[in-house]
Amino acid sequence: MTFKYITIMEESGKLNESAFREMCEALSEAGDPQLIGDFLACLLTPTELAEVSSRWALVREINAGTTQREIARSMGLSLCKITRGSRELKKENSPFRRMIEIYIENAAKK
């Protein structure tokens, strides 16, 4: 499995690619949102968990059509961070967009 969006981290020497791959595979196979949530809460610091959750909420809002200024005001985020999320959503084959699509598709089935 090759991760095309992590080359910058690899180049900086800060990524243990095999461990990252294993973690992605385990999360993919878990199929249990409670277990995944508990795992992430154990893995990440409260600050990191808040940051990741905020990024997901940000991208969901952009995808829903909320303006960047409205997001900045309601979520207390910088326009720079919001612009990054917006750019990621606009990329061809965006993983952000695909994950949102998967979430929306599965939520509609429930």
PDB file of N, CA and C in Angstrom:
ATOM      1  N   MET A   1       0.857  -1.167   0.000  1.00  0.00           N
ATOM      2  CA  MET A   1       0.000   0.000   0.000  1.00  0.00           C
ATOM      3  C   MET A   1       0.906   1.233   0.000  1.00  0.00           C
ATOM      4  N   THR A   2       0.638   2.157  -0.911  1.00  0.00           N
ATOM      5  CA  THR A   2       1.403   3.395  -1.001  1.00  0.00           C
ATOM      6  C   THR A   2       0.515   4.568  -0.647  1.00  0.00           C
ATOM      7  N   PHE A   3       1.017   5.456   0.187  1.00  0.00           N
ATOM      8  CA  PHE A   3       0.276   6.640   0.601  1.00  0.00           C
ATOM      9  C   PHE A   3       0.858   7.840  -0.115  1.00  0.00           C
ATOM     10  N   LYS A   4       0.148   8.336  -1.113  1.00  0.00           N
ATOM     11  CA  LYS A   4       0.696   9.430  -1.906  1.00  0.00           C
ATOM     12  C   LYS A   4       0.661  10.770  -1.185  1.00  0.00           C
ATOM     13  N   TYR A   5      -0.107  10.888  -0.127  1.00  0.00           N
ATOM     14  CA  TYR A   5      -0.233  12.175   0.554  1.00  0.00           C
ATOM     15  C   TYR A   5       0.699  12.326   1.754  1.00  0.00           C
ATOM     16  N   ILE A   6       1.603  11.377   1.958  1.00  0.00           N
ATOM     17  CA  ILE A   6       2.468  11.485   3.122  1.00  0.00           C
ATOM     18  C   ILE A   6       3.937  11.641   2.755  1.00  0.00           C
ATOM     19  N   THR A   7       4.242  11.950   1.530  1.00  0.00           N
ATOM     20  CA  THR A   7       5.642  12.046   1.115  1.00  0.00           C
ATOM     21  C   THR A   7       6.394  13.144   1.853  1.00  0.00           C
ATOM     22  N   ILE A   8       5.757  14.238   2.190  1.00  0.00           N
ATOM     23  CA  ILE A   8       6.435  15.320   2.910  1.00  0.00           C
ATOM     24  C   ILE A   8       6.872  14.834   4.289  1.00  0.00           C
ATOM     25  N   MET A   9       6.018  14.101   4.973  1.00  0.00           N
ATOM     26  CA  MET A   9       6.376  13.570   6.281  1.00  0.00           C
ATOM     27  C   MET A   9       7.504  12.555   6.155  1.00  0.00           C
ATOM     28  N   GLU A  10       7.469  11.721   5.114  1.00  0.00           N
ATOM     29  CA  GLU A  10       8.531  10.740   4.907  1.00  0.00           C
ATOM     30  C   GLU A  10       9.867  11.437   4.703  1.00  0.00           C
ATOM     31  N   GLU A  11       9.851  12.484   3.898  1.00  0.00           N
ATOM     32  CA  GLU A  11      11.084  13.201   3.593  1.00  0.00           C
ATOM     33  C   GLU A  11      11.677  13.859   4.826  1.00  0.00           C
ATOM     34  N   SER A  12      10.841  14.267   5.774  1.00  0.00           N
ATOM     35  CA  SER A  12      11.349  14.911   6.980  1.00  0.00           C
ATOM     36  C   SER A  12      11.898  13.887   7.970  1.00  0.00           C
ATOM     37  N   GLY A  13      11.682  12.609   7.686  1.00  0.00           N
ATOM     38  CA  GLY A  13      12.171  11.561   8.580  1.00  0.00           C
ATOM     39  C   GLY A  13      11.327  11.366   9.821  1.00  0.00           C
ATOM     40  N   LYS A  14      10.141  11.970   9.860  1.00  0.00           N
ATOM     41  CA  LYS A  14       9.300  11.904  11.055  1.00  0.00           C
ATOM     42  C   LYS A  14       8.232  10.818  10.981  1.00  0.00           C
ATOM     43  N   LEU A  15       8.170  10.082   9.879  1.00  0.00           N
ATOM     44  CA  LEU A  15       7.104   9.102   9.715  1.00  0.00           C
ATOM     45  C   LEU A  15       7.668   7.689   9.728  1.00  0.00           C
ATOM     46  N   ASN A  16       7.122   6.860  10.560  1.00  0.00           N
ATOM     47  CA  ASN A  16       7.414   5.435  10.533  1.00  0.00           C
ATOM     48  C   ASN A  16       6.368   4.828   9.615  1.00  0.00           C
ATOM     49  N   GLU A  17       6.734   4.682   8.342  1.00  0.00           N
ATOM     50  CA  GLU A  17       5.749   4.297   7.335  1.00  0.00           C
ATOM     51  C   GLU A  17       5.114   2.935   7.605  1.00  0.00           C
ATOM     52  N   SER A  18       5.891   1.965   8.041  1.00  0.00           N
ATOM     53  CA  SER A  18       5.300   0.644   8.276  1.00  0.00           C
ATOM     54  C   SER A  18       4.293   0.695   9.426  1.00  0.00           C
ATOM     55  N   ALA A  19       4.610   1.440  10.477  1.00  0.00           N
ATOM     56  CA  ALA A  19       3.663   1.573  11.586  1.00  0.00           C
ATOM     57  C   ALA A  19       2.414   2.329  11.148  1.00  0.00           C
ATOM     58  N   PHE A  20       2.596   3.362  10.322  1.00  0.00           N
ATOM     59  CA  PHE A  20       1.459   4.122   9.807  1.00  0.00           C
ATOM     60  C   PHE A  20       0.567   3.212   8.957  1.00  0.00           C
ATOM     61  N   ARG A  21       1.178   2.405   8.108  1.00  0.00           N
ATOM     62  CA  ARG A  21       0.428   1.472   7.253  1.00  0.00           C
ATOM     63  C   ARG A  21      -0.350   0.478   8.114  1.00  0.00           C
ATOM     64  N   GLU A  22       0.325  -0.088   9.128  1.00  0.00           N
ATOM     65  CA  GLU A  22      -0.351  -1.037  10.022  1.00  0.00           C
ATOM     66  C   GLU A  22      -1.554  -0.405  10.703  1.00  0.00           C
ATOM     67  N   MET A  23      -1.366   0.823  11.189  1.00  0.00           N
ATOM     68  CA  MET A  23      -2.453   1.510  11.886  1.00  0.00           C
ATOM     69  C   MET A  23      -3.630   1.749  10.925  1.00  0.00           C
ATOM     70  N   CYS A  24      -3.347   2.171   9.707  1.00  0.00           N
ATOM     71  CA  CYS A  24      -4.407   2.393   8.719  1.00  0.00           C
ATOM     72  C   CYS A  24      -5.156   1.104   8.421  1.00  0.00           C
ATOM     73  N   GLU A  25      -4.418   0.016   8.282  1.00  0.00           N
ATOM     74  CA  GLU A  25      -5.051  -1.280   8.018  1.00  0.00           C
ATOM     75  C   GLU A  25      -5.914  -1.720   9.202  1.00  0.00           C
ATOM     76  N   ALA A  26      -5.406  -1.543  10.415  1.00  0.00           N
ATOM     77  CA  ALA A  26      -6.178  -1.924  11.599  1.00  0.00           C
ATOM     78  C   ALA A  26      -7.456  -1.099  11.709  1.00  0.00           C
ATOM     79  N   LEU A  27      -7.352   0.205  11.479  1.00  0.00           N
ATOM     80  CA  LEU A  27      -8.539   1.067  11.528  1.00  0.00           C
ATOM     81  C   LEU A  27      -9.544   0.675  10.452  1.00  0.00           C
ATOM     82  N   SER A  28      -9.035   0.360   9.280  1.00  0.00           N
ATOM     83  CA  SER A  28      -9.905  -0.032   8.178  1.00  0.00           C
ATOM     84  C   SER A  28     -10.668  -1.321   8.492  1.00  0.00           C
ATOM     85  N   GLU A  29     -10.016  -2.231   9.174  1.00  0.00           N
ATOM     86  CA  GLU A  29     -10.619  -3.526   9.474  1.00  0.00           C
ATOM     87  C   GLU A  29     -11.479  -3.528  10.729  1.00  0.00           C
ATOM     88  N   ALA A  30     -11.311  -2.548  11.589  1.00  0.00           N
ATOM     89  CA  ALA A  30     -11.982  -2.563  12.889  1.00  0.00           C
ATOM     90  C   ALA A  30     -13.504  -2.610  12.761  1.00  0.00           C
ATOM     91  N   GLY A  31     -14.063  -1.754  11.930  1.00  0.00           N
ATOM     92  CA  GLY A  31     -15.510  -1.764  11.745  1.00  0.00           C
ATOM     93  C   GLY A  31     -16.308  -1.444  12.996  1.00  0.00           C
ATOM     94  N   ASP A  32     -15.696  -0.860  14.001  1.00  0.00           N
ATOM     95  CA  ASP A  32     -16.361  -0.573  15.267  1.00  0.00           C
ATOM     96  C   ASP A  32     -16.044   0.868  15.671  1.00  0.00           C
ATOM     97  N   PRO A  33     -16.964   1.806  15.409  1.00  0.00           N
ATOM     98  CA  PRO A  33     -16.704   3.206  15.736  1.00  0.00           C
ATOM     99  C   PRO A  33     -16.336   3.449  17.192  1.00  0.00           C
ATOM    100  N   GLN A  34     -16.935   2.717  18.126  1.00  0.00           N
ATOM    101  CA  GLN A  34     -16.607   2.881  19.547  1.00  0.00           C
ATOM    102  C   GLN A  34     -15.157   2.503  19.812  1.00  0.00           C
ATOM    103  N   LEU A  35     -14.735   1.371  19.270  1.00  0.00           N
ATOM    104  CA  LEU A  35     -13.356   0.924  19.439  1.00  0.00           C
ATOM    105  C   LEU A  35     -12.379   1.918  18.822  1.00  0.00           C
ATOM    106  N   ILE A  36     -12.692   2.396  17.628  1.00  0.00           N
ATOM    107  CA  ILE A  36     -11.817   3.356  16.956  1.00  0.00           C
ATOM    108  C   ILE A  36     -11.731   4.652  17.759  1.00  0.00           C
ATOM    109  N   GLY A  37     -12.855   5.123  18.261  1.00  0.00           N
ATOM    110  CA  GLY A  37     -12.857   6.329  19.083  1.00  0.00           C
ATOM    111  C   GLY A  37     -12.038   6.158  20.345  1.00  0.00           C
ATOM    112  N   ASP A  38     -12.204   5.013  21.016  1.00  0.00           N
ATOM    113  CA  ASP A  38     -11.423   4.742  22.220  1.00  0.00           C
ATOM    114  C   ASP A  38      -9.934   4.654  21.897  1.00  0.00           C
ATOM    115  N   PHE A  39      -9.611   4.009  20.772  1.00  0.00           N
ATOM    116  CA  PHE A  39      -8.221   3.897  20.338  1.00  0.00           C
ATOM    117  C   PHE A  39      -7.615   5.276  20.095  1.00  0.00           C
ATOM    118  N   LEU A  40      -8.332   6.115  19.352  1.00  0.00           N
ATOM    119  CA  LEU A  40      -7.812   7.457  19.061  1.00  0.00           C
ATOM    120  C   LEU A  40      -7.653   8.284  20.328  1.00  0.00           C
ATOM    121  N   ALA A  41      -8.590   8.132  21.260  1.00  0.00           N
ATOM    122  CA  ALA A  41      -8.502   8.866  22.524  1.00  0.00           C
ATOM    123  C   ALA A  41      -7.302   8.402  23.355  1.00  0.00           C
ATOM    124  N   CYS A  42      -6.934   7.134  23.223  1.00  0.00           N
ATOM    125  CA  CYS A  42      -5.743   6.623  23.915  1.00  0.00           C
ATOM    126  C   CYS A  42      -4.462   7.035  23.185  1.00  0.00           C
ATOM    127  N   LEU A  43      -4.511   7.039  21.873  1.00  0.00           N
ATOM    128  CA  LEU A  43      -3.322   7.322  21.056  1.00  0.00           C
ATOM    129  C   LEU A  43      -2.921   8.793  21.083  1.00  0.00           C
ATOM    130  N   LEU A  44      -3.918   9.671  20.994  1.00  0.00           N
ATOM    131  CA  LEU A  44      -3.660  11.098  20.854  1.00  0.00           C
ATOM    132  C   LEU A  44      -3.818  11.826  22.181  1.00  0.00           C
ATOM    133  N   THR A  45      -3.091  12.915  22.330  1.00  0.00           N
ATOM    134  CA  THR A  45      -3.288  13.769  23.502  1.00  0.00           C
ATOM    135  C   THR A  45      -4.641  14.471  23.352  1.00  0.00           C
ATOM    136  N   PRO A  46      -5.195  15.003  24.434  1.00  0.00           N
ATOM    137  CA  PRO A  46      -6.449  15.750  24.310  1.00  0.00           C
ATOM    138  C   PRO A  46      -6.354  16.885  23.283  1.00  0.00           C
ATOM    139  N   THR A  47      -5.222  17.561  23.237  1.00  0.00           N
ATOM    140  CA  THR A  47      -5.039  18.651  22.268  1.00  0.00           C
ATOM    141  C   THR A  47      -5.027  18.121  20.840  1.00  0.00           C
ATOM    142  N   GLU A  48      -4.312  17.021  20.615  1.00  0.00           N
ATOM    143  CA  GLU A  48      -4.265  16.422  19.272  1.00  0.00           C
ATOM    144  C   GLU A  48      -5.640  15.928  18.844  1.00  0.00           C
ATOM    145  N   LEU A  49      -6.359  15.309  19.768  1.00  0.00           N
ATOM    146  CA  LEU A  49      -7.703  14.818  19.467  1.00  0.00           C
ATOM    147  C   LEU A  49      -8.634  15.974  19.117  1.00  0.00           C
ATOM    148  N   ALA A  50      -8.533  17.068  19.865  1.00  0.00           N
ATOM    149  CA  ALA A  50      -9.346  18.252  19.573  1.00  0.00           C
ATOM    150  C   ALA A  50      -8.992  18.813  18.199  1.00  0.00           C
ATOM    151  N   GLU A  51      -7.716  18.832  17.862  1.00  0.00           N
ATOM    152  CA  GLU A  51      -7.263  19.356  16.572  1.00  0.00           C
ATOM    153  C   GLU A  51      -7.776  18.496  15.409  1.00  0.00           C
ATOM    154  N   VAL A  52      -7.653  17.197  15.531  1.00  0.00           N
ATOM    155  CA  VAL A  52      -8.126  16.288  14.474  1.00  0.00           C
ATOM    156  C   VAL A  52      -9.642  16.404  14.317  1.00  0.00           C
ATOM    157  N   SER A  53     -10.355  16.436  15.433  1.00  0.00           N
ATOM    158  CA  SER A  53     -11.817  16.565  15.382  1.00  0.00           C
ATOM    159  C   SER A  53     -12.227  17.885  14.746  1.00  0.00           C
ATOM    160  N   SER A  54     -11.512  18.938  15.082  1.00  0.00           N
ATOM    161  CA  SER A  54     -11.784  20.256  14.515  1.00  0.00           C
ATOM    162  C   SER A  54     -11.562  20.264  13.004  1.00  0.00           C
ATOM    163  N   ARG A  55     -10.514  19.601  12.563  1.00  0.00           N
ATOM    164  CA  ARG A  55     -10.240  19.538  11.118  1.00  0.00           C
ATOM    165  C   ARG A  55     -11.348  18.793  10.378  1.00  0.00           C
ATOM    166  N   TRP A  56     -11.831  17.701  10.980  1.00  0.00           N
ATOM    167  CA  TRP A  56     -12.931  16.958  10.354  1.00  0.00           C
ATOM    168  C   TRP A  56     -14.178  17.853  10.271  1.00  0.00           C
ATOM    169  N   ALA A  57     -14.513  18.524  11.364  1.00  0.00           N
ATOM    170  CA  ALA A  57     -15.680  19.413  11.373  1.00  0.00           C
ATOM    171  C   ALA A  57     -15.524  20.528  10.345  1.00  0.00           C
ATOM    172  N   LEU A  58     -14.331  21.060  10.252  1.00  0.00           N
ATOM    173  CA  LEU A  58     -14.039  22.118   9.284  1.00  0.00           C
ATOM    174  C   LEU A  58     -14.291  21.647   7.855  1.00  0.00           C
ATOM    175  N   VAL A  59     -13.761  20.502   7.515  1.00  0.00           N
ATOM    176  CA  VAL A  59     -13.916  19.990   6.149  1.00  0.00           C
ATOM    177  C   VAL A  59     -15.374  19.643   5.866  1.00  0.00           C
ATOM    178  N   ARG A  60     -16.084  19.125   6.858  1.00  0.00           N
ATOM    179  CA  ARG A  60     -17.519  18.836   6.677  1.00  0.00           C
ATOM    180  C   ARG A  60     -18.286  20.128   6.400  1.00  0.00           C
ATOM    181  N   GLU A  61     -17.951  21.199   7.108  1.00  0.00           N
ATOM    182  CA  GLU A  61     -18.618  22.493   6.902  1.00  0.00           C
ATOM    183  C   GLU A  61     -18.317  23.053   5.513  1.00  0.00           C
ATOM    184  N   ILE A  62     -17.062  22.974   5.092  1.00  0.00           N
ATOM    185  CA  ILE A  62     -16.709  23.439   3.744  1.00  0.00           C
ATOM    186  C   ILE A  62     -17.482  22.646   2.708  1.00  0.00           C
ATOM    187  N   ASN A  63     -17.514  21.347   2.891  1.00  0.00           N
ATOM    188  CA  ASN A  63     -18.228  20.472   1.953  1.00  0.00           C
ATOM    189  C   ASN A  63     -19.723  20.788   1.916  1.00  0.00           C
ATOM    190  N   ALA A  64     -20.270  21.223   3.045  1.00  0.00           N
ATOM    191  CA  ALA A  64     -21.694  21.563   3.123  1.00  0.00           C
ATOM    192  C   ALA A  64     -22.009  22.929   2.519  1.00  0.00           C
ATOM    193  N   GLY A  65     -20.956  23.676   2.140  1.00  0.00           N
ATOM    194  CA  GLY A  65     -21.171  24.966   1.498  1.00  0.00           C
ATOM    195  C   GLY A  65     -21.084  26.166   2.427  1.00  0.00           C
ATOM    196  N   THR A  66     -20.698  25.944   3.663  1.00  0.00           N
ATOM    197  CA  THR A  66     -20.534  27.056   4.601  1.00  0.00           C
ATOM    198  C   THR A  66     -19.348  27.906   4.149  1.00  0.00           C
ATOM    199  N   THR A  67     -19.495  29.210   4.177  1.00  0.00           N
ATOM    200  CA  THR A  67     -18.400  30.071   3.730  1.00  0.00           C
ATOM    201  C   THR A  67     -17.244  30.016   4.725  1.00  0.00           C
ATOM    202  N   GLN A  68     -16.058  30.324   4.221  1.00  0.00           N
ATOM    203  CA  GLN A  68     -14.872  30.294   5.070  1.00  0.00           C
ATOM    204  C   GLN A  68     -14.989  31.284   6.224  1.00  0.00           C
ATOM    205  N   ARG A  69     -15.538  32.446   5.958  1.00  0.00           N
ATOM    206  CA  ARG A  69     -15.684  33.451   7.021  1.00  0.00           C
ATOM    207  C   ARG A  69     -16.672  32.978   8.092  1.00  0.00           C
ATOM    208  N   GLU A  70     -17.753  32.327   7.674  1.00  0.00           N
ATOM    209  CA  GLU A  70     -18.710  31.790   8.652  1.00  0.00           C
ATOM    210  C   GLU A  70     -18.050  30.717   9.508  1.00  0.00           C
ATOM    211  N   ILE A  71     -17.242  29.859   8.877  1.00  0.00           N
ATOM    212  CA  ILE A  71     -16.544  28.807   9.615  1.00  0.00           C
ATOM    213  C   ILE A  71     -15.564  29.430  10.605  1.00  0.00           C
ATOM    214  N   ALA A  72     -14.808  30.418  10.149  1.00  0.00           N
ATOM    215  CA  ALA A  72     -13.839  31.093  11.024  1.00  0.00           C
ATOM    216  C   ALA A  72     -14.547  31.671  12.243  1.00  0.00           C
ATOM    217  N   ARG A  73     -15.684  32.291  12.010  1.00  0.00           N
ATOM    218  CA  ARG A  73     -16.430  32.920  13.100  1.00  0.00           C
ATOM    219  C   ARG A  73     -17.011  31.859  14.052  1.00  0.00           C
ATOM    220  N   SER A  74     -17.630  30.845  13.518  1.00  0.00           N
ATOM    221  CA  SER A  74     -18.316  29.875  14.374  1.00  0.00           C
ATOM    222  C   SER A  74     -17.371  28.893  15.066  1.00  0.00           C
ATOM    223  N   MET A  75     -16.257  28.559  14.409  1.00  0.00           N
ATOM    224  CA  MET A  75     -15.348  27.563  14.973  1.00  0.00           C
ATOM    225  C   MET A  75     -14.098  28.173  15.595  1.00  0.00           C
ATOM    226  N   GLY A  76     -13.911  29.475  15.403  1.00  0.00           N
ATOM    227  CA  GLY A  76     -12.740  30.129  15.958  1.00  0.00           C
ATOM    228  C   GLY A  76     -11.443  29.702  15.302  1.00  0.00           C
ATOM    229  N   LEU A  77     -11.496  29.412  14.011  1.00  0.00           N
ATOM    230  CA  LEU A  77     -10.317  28.964  13.275  1.00  0.00           C
ATOM    231  C   LEU A  77      -9.783  30.071  12.381  1.00  0.00           C
ATOM    232  N   SER A  78      -8.506  29.993  12.065  1.00  0.00           N
ATOM    233  CA  SER A  78      -7.904  30.980  11.166  1.00  0.00           C
ATOM    234  C   SER A  78      -8.314  30.698   9.728  1.00  0.00           C
ATOM    235  N   LEU A  79      -8.379  31.758   8.939  1.00  0.00           N
ATOM    236  CA  LEU A  79      -8.696  31.586   7.517  1.00  0.00           C
ATOM    237  C   LEU A  79      -7.637  30.749   6.821  1.00  0.00           C
ATOM    238  N   CYS A  80      -6.401  30.815   7.277  1.00  0.00           N
ATOM    239  CA  CYS A  80      -5.316  30.023   6.699  1.00  0.00           C
ATOM    240  C   CYS A  80      -5.612  28.525   6.835  1.00  0.00           C
ATOM    241  N   LYS A  81      -6.017  28.101   8.018  1.00  0.00           N
ATOM    242  CA  LYS A  81      -6.333  26.695   8.253  1.00  0.00           C
ATOM    243  C   LYS A  81      -7.546  26.275   7.423  1.00  0.00           C
ATOM    244  N   ILE A  82      -8.521  27.142   7.329  1.00  0.00           N
ATOM    245  CA  ILE A  82      -9.723  26.843   6.558  1.00  0.00           C
ATOM    246  C   ILE A  82      -9.394  26.745   5.082  1.00  0.00           C
ATOM    247  N   THR A  83      -8.548  27.645   4.590  1.00  0.00           N
ATOM    248  CA  THR A  83      -8.147  27.622   3.183  1.00  0.00           C
ATOM    249  C   THR A  83      -7.429  26.320   2.862  1.00  0.00           C
ATOM    250  N   ARG A  84      -6.596  25.838   3.767  1.00  0.00           N
ATOM    251  CA  ARG A  84      -5.901  24.567   3.536  1.00  0.00           C
ATOM    252  C   ARG A  84      -6.919  23.441   3.367  1.00  0.00           C
ATOM    253  N   GLY A  85      -7.917  23.388   4.234  1.00  0.00           N
ATOM    254  CA  GLY A  85      -8.945  22.365   4.121  1.00  0.00           C
ATOM    255  C   GLY A  85      -9.721  22.478   2.819  1.00  0.00           C
ATOM    256  N   SER A  86     -10.001  23.708   2.411  1.00  0.00           N
ATOM    257  CA  SER A  86     -10.714  23.947   1.166  1.00  0.00           C
ATOM    258  C   SER A  86      -9.901  23.462  -0.032  1.00  0.00           C
ATOM    259  N   ARG A  87      -8.610  23.758  -0.012  1.00  0.00           N
ATOM    260  CA  ARG A  87      -7.722  23.311  -1.102  1.00  0.00           C
ATOM    261  C   ARG A  87      -7.676  21.794  -1.178  1.00  0.00           C
ATOM    262  N   GLU A  88      -7.601  21.152  -0.021  1.00  0.00           N
ATOM    263  CA  GLU A  88      -7.557  19.690   0.002  1.00  0.00           C
ATOM    264  C   GLU A  88      -8.830  19.086  -0.596  1.00  0.00           C
ATOM    265  N   LEU A  89      -9.974  19.681  -0.289  1.00  0.00           N
ATOM    266  CA  LEU A  89     -11.242  19.179  -0.837  1.00  0.00           C
ATOM    267  C   LEU A  89     -11.314  19.335  -2.355  1.00  0.00           C
ATOM    268  N   LYS A  90     -10.656  20.348  -2.900  1.00  0.00           N
ATOM    269  CA  LYS A  90     -10.717  20.625  -4.334  1.00  0.00           C
ATOM    270  C   LYS A  90      -9.777  19.751  -5.153  1.00  0.00           C
ATOM    271  N   LYS A  91      -8.838  19.087  -4.502  1.00  0.00           N
ATOM    272  CA  LYS A  91      -7.883  18.250  -5.231  1.00  0.00           C
ATOM    273  C   LYS A  91      -8.583  17.075  -5.888  1.00  0.00           C
ATOM    274  N   GLU A  92      -8.074  16.718  -7.054  1.00  0.00           N
ATOM    275  CA  GLU A  92      -8.595  15.539  -7.744  1.00  0.00           C
ATOM    276  C   GLU A  92      -8.341  14.320  -6.860  1.00  0.00           C
ATOM    277  N   ASN A  93      -9.316  13.461  -6.733  1.00  0.00           N
ATOM    278  CA  ASN A  93      -9.231  12.255  -5.895  1.00  0.00           C
ATOM    279  C   ASN A  93      -8.905  12.587  -4.434  1.00  0.00           C
ATOM    280  N   SER A  94      -9.497  13.655  -3.931  1.00  0.00           N
ATOM    281  CA  SER A  94      -9.239  14.115  -2.569  1.00  0.00           C
ATOM    282  C   SER A  94      -9.641  13.057  -1.536  1.00  0.00           C
ATOM    283  N   PRO A  95      -8.704  12.631  -0.690  1.00  0.00           N
ATOM    284  CA  PRO A  95      -9.067  11.700   0.384  1.00  0.00           C
ATOM    285  C   PRO A  95     -10.074  12.310   1.360  1.00  0.00           C
ATOM    286  N   PHE A  96      -9.952  13.626   1.613  1.00  0.00           N
ATOM    287  CA  PHE A  96     -10.937  14.302   2.457  1.00  0.00           C
ATOM    288  C   PHE A  96     -12.344  14.122   1.880  1.00  0.00           C
ATOM    289  N   ARG A  97     -12.490  14.441   0.607  1.00  0.00           N
ATOM    290  CA  ARG A  97     -13.805  14.353  -0.027  1.00  0.00           C
ATOM    291  C   ARG A  97     -14.316  12.914  -0.026  1.00  0.00           C
ATOM    292  N   ARG A  98     -13.438  11.961  -0.290  1.00  0.00           N
ATOM    293  CA  ARG A  98     -13.857  10.566  -0.325  1.00  0.00           C
ATOM    294  C   ARG A  98     -14.321  10.084   1.053  1.00  0.00           C
ATOM    295  N   MET A  99     -13.625  10.489   2.106  1.00  0.00           N
ATOM    296  CA  MET A  99     -14.035  10.090   3.452  1.00  0.00           C
ATOM    297  C   MET A  99     -15.378  10.713   3.820  1.00  0.00           C
ATOM    298  N   ILE A 100     -15.603  11.948   3.417  1.00  0.00           N
ATOM    299  CA  ILE A 100     -16.895  12.586   3.656  1.00  0.00           C
ATOM    300  C   ILE A 100     -17.993  11.844   2.901  1.00  0.00           C
ATOM    301  N   GLU A 101     -17.715  11.490   1.660  1.00  0.00           N
ATOM    302  CA  GLU A 101     -18.693  10.741   0.869  1.00  0.00           C
ATOM    303  C   GLU A 101     -19.036   9.405   1.532  1.00  0.00           C
ATOM    304  N   ILE A 102     -18.018   8.708   2.003  1.00  0.00           N
ATOM    305  CA  ILE A 102     -18.237   7.428   2.684  1.00  0.00           C
ATOM    306  C   ILE A 102     -19.092   7.635   3.931  1.00  0.00           C
ATOM    307  N   TYR A 103     -18.756   8.664   4.704  1.00  0.00           N
ATOM    308  CA  TYR A 103     -19.532   8.930   5.917  1.00  0.00           C
ATOM    309  C   TYR A 103     -20.990   9.240   5.579  1.00  0.00           C
ATOM    310  N   ILE A 104     -21.215  10.102   4.598  1.00  0.00           N
ATOM    311  CA  ILE A 104     -22.569  10.487   4.211  1.00  0.00           C
ATOM    312  C   ILE A 104     -23.349   9.282   3.685  1.00  0.00           C
ATOM    313  N   GLU A 105     -22.713   8.478   2.849  1.00  0.00           N
ATOM    314  CA  GLU A 105     -23.372   7.277   2.306  1.00  0.00           C
ATOM    315  C   GLU A 105     -23.790   6.337   3.420  1.00  0.00           C
ATOM    316  N   ASN A 106     -22.889   6.103   4.360  1.00  0.00           N
ATOM    317  CA  ASN A 106     -23.198   5.174   5.471  1.00  0.00           C
ATOM    318  C   ASN A 106     -24.221   5.762   6.440  1.00  0.00           C
ATOM    319  N   ALA A 107     -24.172   7.060   6.672  1.00  0.00           N
ATOM    320  CA  ALA A 107     -25.148   7.702   7.553  1.00  0.00           C
ATOM    321  C   ALA A 107     -26.555   7.624   6.964  1.00  0.00           C
ATOM    322  N   ALA A 108     -26.649   7.708   5.638  1.00  0.00           N
ATOM    323  CA  ALA A 108     -27.953   7.637   4.975  1.00  0.00           C
ATOM    324  C   ALA A 108     -28.563   6.258   5.082  1.00  0.00           C
ATOM    325  N   LYS A 109     -27.738   5.229   5.228  1.00  0.00           N
ATOM    326  CA  LYS A 109     -28.221   3.860   5.339  1.00  0.00           C
ATOM    327  C   LYS A 109     -28.779   3.543   6.711  1.00  0.00           C
ATOM    328  N   LYS A 110     -28.423   4.355   7.696  1.00  0.00           N
ATOM    329  CA  LYS A 110     -28.841   4.075   9.091  1.00  0.00           C
ATOM    330  C   LYS A 110     -30.222   4.586   9.386  1.00  0.00           C
TER     331      LYS A 110
END
